[in-house]
Amino acid sequence: MTLYWLLSVPAHGDGHVAWRDIKNRVIGGELYDFVLPQFKIGTLDTLVRLSDDLSKYDSS
């Protein structure tokens, strides 16, 4: 059975630098880079806040 790991790491401004650093540290494994689209709502924090607000309105 094949084992996959999905990692999300902070890029601190430049995702290419973060990718290169990870690639240089991982030995003996295959790495694949893929980009996830930005949230249409903004940030995850904003999404959670909106979800909380929505649940307040639903319970009213």
PDB file of N, CA and C in Angstrom:
ATOM      1  N   MET A   1       0.838  -1.174   0.000  1.00  0.00           N
ATOM      2  CA  MET A   1       0.000   0.000   0.000  1.00  0.00           C
ATOM      3  C   MET A   1       0.890   1.246   0.000  1.00  0.00           C
ATOM      4  N   THR A   2       0.541   2.198  -0.817  1.00  0.00           N
ATOM      5  CA  THR A   2       1.301   3.433  -0.928  1.00  0.00           C
ATOM      6  C   THR A   2       0.844   4.425   0.131  1.00  0.00           C
ATOM      7  N   LEU A   3       1.801   5.102   0.728  1.00  0.00           N
ATOM      8  CA  LEU A   3       1.516   6.091   1.762  1.00  0.00           C
ATOM      9  C   LEU A   3       1.784   7.484   1.206  1.00  0.00           C
ATOM     10  N   TYR A   4       0.805   8.363   1.346  1.00  0.00           N
ATOM     11  CA  TYR A   4       0.950   9.743   0.895  1.00  0.00           C
ATOM     12  C   TYR A   4       0.842  10.680   2.082  1.00  0.00           C
ATOM     13  N   TRP A   5       1.616  11.733   2.048  1.00  0.00           N
ATOM     14  CA  TRP A   5       1.526  12.797   3.047  1.00  0.00           C
ATOM     15  C   TRP A   5       1.211  14.082   2.307  1.00  0.00           C
ATOM     16  N   LEU A   6       0.315  14.847   2.853  1.00  0.00           N
ATOM     17  CA  LEU A   6      -0.010  16.156   2.306  1.00  0.00           C
ATOM     18  C   LEU A   6       0.424  17.190   3.331  1.00  0.00           C
ATOM     19  N   LEU A   7       1.348  18.050   2.931  1.00  0.00           N
ATOM     20  CA  LEU A   7       1.888  19.058   3.844  1.00  0.00           C
ATOM     21  C   LEU A   7       1.511  20.451   3.383  1.00  0.00           C
ATOM     22  N   SER A   8       1.243  21.279   4.333  1.00  0.00           N
ATOM     23  CA  SER A   8       1.032  22.700   4.081  1.00  0.00           C
ATOM     24  C   SER A   8       2.005  23.450   4.976  1.00  0.00           C
ATOM     25  N   VAL A   9       2.855  24.247   4.365  1.00  0.00           N
ATOM     26  CA  VAL A   9       3.865  24.967   5.136  1.00  0.00           C
ATOM     27  C   VAL A   9       3.789  26.456   4.817  1.00  0.00           C
ATOM     28  N   PRO A  10       4.110  27.295   5.790  1.00  0.00           N
ATOM     29  CA  PRO A  10       4.111  28.734   5.505  1.00  0.00           C
ATOM     30  C   PRO A  10       5.256  29.085   4.565  1.00  0.00           C
ATOM     31  N   ALA A  11       4.963  29.885   3.570  1.00  0.00           N
ATOM     32  CA  ALA A  11       5.977  30.252   2.583  1.00  0.00           C
ATOM     33  C   ALA A  11       6.758  31.487   2.998  1.00  0.00           C
ATOM     34  N   HIS A  12       6.229  32.267   3.925  1.00  0.00           N
ATOM     35  CA  HIS A  12       6.876  33.510   4.362  1.00  0.00           C
ATOM     36  C   HIS A  12       7.247  34.389   3.171  1.00  0.00           C
ATOM     37  N   GLY A  13       6.317  34.530   2.234  1.00  0.00           N
ATOM     38  CA  GLY A  13       6.515  35.446   1.124  1.00  0.00           C
ATOM     39  C   GLY A  13       6.819  34.784  -0.202  1.00  0.00           C
ATOM     40  N   ASP A  14       7.628  33.752  -0.223  1.00  0.00           N
ATOM     41  CA  ASP A  14       8.007  33.141  -1.494  1.00  0.00           C
ATOM     42  C   ASP A  14       7.847  31.629  -1.409  1.00  0.00           C
ATOM     43  N   GLY A  15       6.829  31.110  -2.059  1.00  0.00           N
ATOM     44  CA  GLY A  15       6.563  29.681  -2.042  1.00  0.00           C
ATOM     45  C   GLY A  15       7.652  28.858  -2.708  1.00  0.00           C
ATOM     46  N   HIS A  16       8.325  29.436  -3.698  1.00  0.00           N
ATOM     47  CA  HIS A  16       9.383  28.703  -4.395  1.00  0.00           C
ATOM     48  C   HIS A  16      10.569  28.421  -3.465  1.00  0.00           C
ATOM     49  N   VAL A  17      10.879  29.368  -2.611  1.00  0.00           N
ATOM     50  CA  VAL A  17      11.976  29.180  -1.653  1.00  0.00           C
ATOM     51  C   VAL A  17      11.605  28.092  -0.649  1.00  0.00           C
ATOM     52  N   ALA A  18      10.370  28.123  -0.150  1.00  0.00           N
ATOM     53  CA  ALA A  18       9.916  27.096   0.794  1.00  0.00           C
ATOM     54  C   ALA A  18       9.959  25.720   0.143  1.00  0.00           C
ATOM     55  N   TRP A  19       9.507  25.622  -1.107  1.00  0.00           N
ATOM     56  CA  TRP A  19       9.517  24.344  -1.833  1.00  0.00           C
ATOM     57  C   TRP A  19      10.945  23.827  -1.992  1.00  0.00           C
ATOM     58  N   ARG A  20      11.867  24.694  -2.366  1.00  0.00           N
ATOM     59  CA  ARG A  20      13.264  24.294  -2.550  1.00  0.00           C
ATOM     60  C   ARG A  20      13.863  23.801  -1.233  1.00  0.00           C
ATOM     61  N   ASP A  21      13.558  24.488  -0.128  1.00  0.00           N
ATOM     62  CA  ASP A  21      14.077  24.078   1.179  1.00  0.00           C
ATOM     63  C   ASP A  21      13.562  22.696   1.568  1.00  0.00           C
ATOM     64  N   ILE A  22      12.284  22.457   1.363  1.00  0.00           N
ATOM     65  CA  ILE A  22      11.712  21.141   1.695  1.00  0.00           C
ATOM     66  C   ILE A  22      12.336  20.066   0.823  1.00  0.00           C
ATOM     67  N   LYS A  23      12.467  20.358  -0.467  1.00  0.00           N
ATOM     68  CA  LYS A  23      13.045  19.385  -1.400  1.00  0.00           C
ATOM     69  C   LYS A  23      14.480  19.019  -1.007  1.00  0.00           C
ATOM     70  N   ASN A  24      15.228  19.991  -0.532  1.00  0.00           N
ATOM     71  CA  ASN A  24      16.610  19.743  -0.133  1.00  0.00           C
ATOM     72  C   ASN A  24      16.705  18.921   1.149  1.00  0.00           C
ATOM     73  N   ARG A  25      15.681  18.953   1.983  1.00  0.00           N
ATOM     74  CA  ARG A  25      15.717  18.245   3.264  1.00  0.00           C
ATOM     75  C   ARG A  25      15.158  16.829   3.191  1.00  0.00           C
ATOM     76  N   VAL A  26      14.300  16.562   2.216  1.00  0.00           N
ATOM     77  CA  VAL A  26      13.677  15.238   2.108  1.00  0.00           C
ATOM     78  C   VAL A  26      14.541  14.364   1.209  1.00  0.00           C
ATOM     79  N   ILE A  27      14.953  13.239   1.763  1.00  0.00           N
ATOM     80  CA  ILE A  27      15.809  12.320   1.018  1.00  0.00           C
ATOM     81  C   ILE A  27      15.082  10.988   0.879  1.00  0.00           C
ATOM     82  N   GLY A  28      15.106  10.419  -0.312  1.00  0.00           N
ATOM     83  CA  GLY A  28      14.533   9.090  -0.516  1.00  0.00           C
ATOM     84  C   GLY A  28      13.037   9.076  -0.775  1.00  0.00           C
ATOM     85  N   GLY A  29      12.467  10.204  -1.086  1.00  0.00           N
ATOM     86  CA  GLY A  29      11.036  10.262  -1.371  1.00  0.00           C
ATOM     87  C   GLY A  29      10.767  11.117  -2.590  1.00  0.00           C
ATOM     88  N   GLU A  30       9.616  10.904  -3.182  1.00  0.00           N
ATOM     89  CA  GLU A  30       9.220  11.715  -4.325  1.00  0.00           C
ATOM     90  C   GLU A  30       8.326  12.848  -3.839  1.00  0.00           C
ATOM     91  N   LEU A  31       8.617  14.046  -4.294  1.00  0.00           N
ATOM     92  CA  LEU A  31       7.838  15.216  -3.907  1.00  0.00           C
ATOM     93  C   LEU A  31       7.139  15.790  -5.132  1.00  0.00           C
ATOM     94  N   TYR A  32       5.923  16.229  -4.927  1.00  0.00           N
ATOM     95  CA  TYR A  32       5.151  16.852  -5.993  1.00  0.00           C
ATOM     96  C   TYR A  32       4.593  18.163  -5.477  1.00  0.00           C
ATOM     97  N   ASP A  33       4.755  19.185  -6.253  1.00  0.00           N
ATOM     98  CA  ASP A  33       4.277  20.514  -5.885  1.00  0.00           C
ATOM     99  C   ASP A  33       2.946  20.766  -6.582  1.00  0.00           C
ATOM    100  N   PHE A  34       1.972  21.219  -5.836  1.00  0.00           N
ATOM    101  CA  PHE A  34       0.718  21.657  -6.444  1.00  0.00           C
ATOM    102  C   PHE A  34       0.196  22.855  -5.676  1.00  0.00           C
ATOM    103  N   VAL A  35      -0.453  23.710  -6.396  1.00  0.00           N
ATOM    104  CA  VAL A  35      -0.919  24.968  -5.827  1.00  0.00           C
ATOM    105  C   VAL A  35      -2.422  24.882  -5.599  1.00  0.00           C
ATOM    106  N   LEU A  36      -2.834  25.263  -4.417  1.00  0.00           N
ATOM    107  CA  LEU A  36      -4.256  25.337  -4.104  1.00  0.00           C
ATOM    108  C   LEU A  36      -4.735  26.758  -4.365  1.00  0.00           C
ATOM    109  N   PRO A  37      -5.925  26.913  -4.901  1.00  0.00           N
ATOM    110  CA  PRO A  37      -6.420  28.270  -5.152  1.00  0.00           C
ATOM    111  C   PRO A  37      -6.697  29.014  -3.856  1.00  0.00           C
ATOM    112  N   GLN A  38      -6.676  30.327  -3.937  1.00  0.00           N
ATOM    113  CA  GLN A  38      -6.984  31.163  -2.785  1.00  0.00           C
ATOM    114  C   GLN A  38      -8.452  30.992  -2.406  1.00  0.00           C
ATOM    115  N   PHE A  39      -8.751  31.129  -1.121  1.00  0.00           N
ATOM    116  CA  PHE A  39     -10.142  31.135  -0.687  1.00  0.00           C
ATOM    117  C   PHE A  39     -10.845  32.328  -1.327  1.00  0.00           C
ATOM    118  N   LYS A  40     -12.035  32.123  -1.853  1.00  0.00           N
ATOM    119  CA  LYS A  40     -12.797  33.241  -2.412  1.00  0.00           C
ATOM    120  C   LYS A  40     -13.245  34.189  -1.308  1.00  0.00           C
ATOM    121  N   ILE A  41     -13.330  33.684  -0.107  1.00  0.00           N
ATOM    122  CA  ILE A  41     -13.813  34.467   1.024  1.00  0.00           C
ATOM    123  C   ILE A  41     -12.683  35.262   1.677  1.00  0.00           C
ATOM    124  N   GLY A  42     -11.448  34.973   1.347  1.00  0.00           N
ATOM    125  CA  GLY A  42     -10.307  35.657   1.960  1.00  0.00           C
ATOM    126  C   GLY A  42      -9.429  34.668   2.694  1.00  0.00           C
ATOM    127  N   THR A  43      -9.484  34.699   4.015  1.00  0.00           N
ATOM    128  CA  THR A  43      -8.650  33.807   4.815  1.00  0.00           C
ATOM    129  C   THR A  43      -9.518  32.760   5.504  1.00  0.00           C
ATOM    130  N   LEU A  44      -8.879  31.757   6.043  1.00  0.00           N
ATOM    131  CA  LEU A  44      -9.597  30.728   6.790  1.00  0.00           C
ATOM    132  C   LEU A  44     -10.271  31.333   8.018  1.00  0.00           C
ATOM    133  N   ASP A  45      -9.615  32.278   8.662  1.00  0.00           N
ATOM    134  CA  ASP A  45     -10.212  32.944   9.828  1.00  0.00           C
ATOM    135  C   ASP A  45     -11.523  33.637   9.457  1.00  0.00           C
ATOM    136  N   THR A  46     -11.531  34.316   8.315  1.00  0.00           N
ATOM    137  CA  THR A  46     -12.746  34.982   7.854  1.00  0.00           C
ATOM    138  C   THR A  46     -13.844  33.970   7.579  1.00  0.00           C
ATOM    139  N   LEU A  47     -13.474  32.855   6.969  1.00  0.00           N
ATOM    140  CA  LEU A  47     -14.452  31.808   6.676  1.00  0.00           C
ATOM    141  C   LEU A  47     -15.064  31.249   7.957  1.00  0.00           C
ATOM    142  N   VAL A  48     -14.252  31.022   8.970  1.00  0.00           N
ATOM    143  CA  VAL A  48     -14.748  30.503  10.248  1.00  0.00           C
ATOM    144  C   VAL A  48     -15.663  31.529  10.912  1.00  0.00           C
ATOM    145  N   ARG A  49     -15.275  32.800  10.886  1.00  0.00           N
ATOM    146  CA  ARG A  49     -16.126  33.852  11.467  1.00  0.00           C
ATOM    147  C   ARG A  49     -17.476  33.920  10.770  1.00  0.00           C
ATOM    148  N   LEU A  50     -17.463  33.863   9.445  1.00  0.00           N
ATOM    149  CA  LEU A  50     -18.718  33.907   8.700  1.00  0.00           C
ATOM    150  C   LEU A  50     -19.578  32.689   8.995  1.00  0.00           C
ATOM    151  N   SER A  51     -18.942  31.545   9.144  1.00  0.00           N
ATOM    152  CA  SER A  51     -19.677  30.328   9.489  1.00  0.00           C
ATOM    153  C   SER A  51     -20.327  30.463  10.864  1.00  0.00           C
ATOM    154  N   ASP A  52     -19.602  31.027  11.818  1.00  0.00           N
ATOM    155  CA  ASP A  52     -20.161  31.262  13.158  1.00  0.00           C
ATOM    156  C   ASP A  52     -21.339  32.234  13.096  1.00  0.00           C
ATOM    157  N   ASP A  53     -21.183  33.296  12.317  1.00  0.00           N
ATOM    158  CA  ASP A  53     -22.270  34.270  12.172  1.00  0.00           C
ATOM    159  C   ASP A  53     -23.500  33.626  11.543  1.00  0.00           C
ATOM    160  N   LEU A  54     -23.279  32.795  10.555  1.00  0.00           N
ATOM    161  CA  LEU A  54     -24.388  32.128   9.881  1.00  0.00           C
ATOM    162  C   LEU A  54     -25.152  31.222  10.838  1.00  0.00           C
ATOM    163  N   SER A  55     -24.428  30.509  11.690  1.00  0.00           N
ATOM    164  CA  SER A  55     -25.101  29.630  12.651  1.00  0.00           C
ATOM    165  C   SER A  55     -25.910  30.445  13.661  1.00  0.00           C
ATOM    166  N   LYS A  56     -25.461  31.649  13.997  1.00  0.00           N
ATOM    167  CA  LYS A  56     -26.226  32.521  14.897  1.00  0.00           C
ATOM    168  C   LYS A  56     -27.540  32.938  14.246  1.00  0.00           C
ATOM    169  N   TYR A  57     -27.475  33.288  12.955  1.00  0.00           N
ATOM    170  CA  TYR A  57     -28.683  33.702  12.246  1.00  0.00           C
ATOM    171  C   TYR A  57     -29.645  32.531  12.055  1.00  0.00           C
ATOM    172  N   ASP A  58     -29.104  31.336  11.830  1.00  0.00           N
ATOM    173  CA  ASP A  58     -29.949  30.157  11.641  1.00  0.00           C
ATOM    174  C   ASP A  58     -30.715  29.806  12.904  1.00  0.00           C
ATOM    175  N   SER A  59     -30.110  30.035  14.055  1.00  0.00           N
ATOM    176  CA  SER A  59     -30.765  29.678  15.314  1.00  0.00           C
ATOM    177  C   SER A  59     -31.782  30.728  15.758  1.00  0.00           C
ATOM    178  N   SER A  60     -31.798  31.894  15.106  1.00  0.00           N
ATOM    179  CA  SER A  60     -32.748  32.964  15.479  1.00  0.00           C
ATOM    180  C   SER A  60     -34.135  32.688  14.948  1.00  0.00           C
TER     181      SER A  60
END
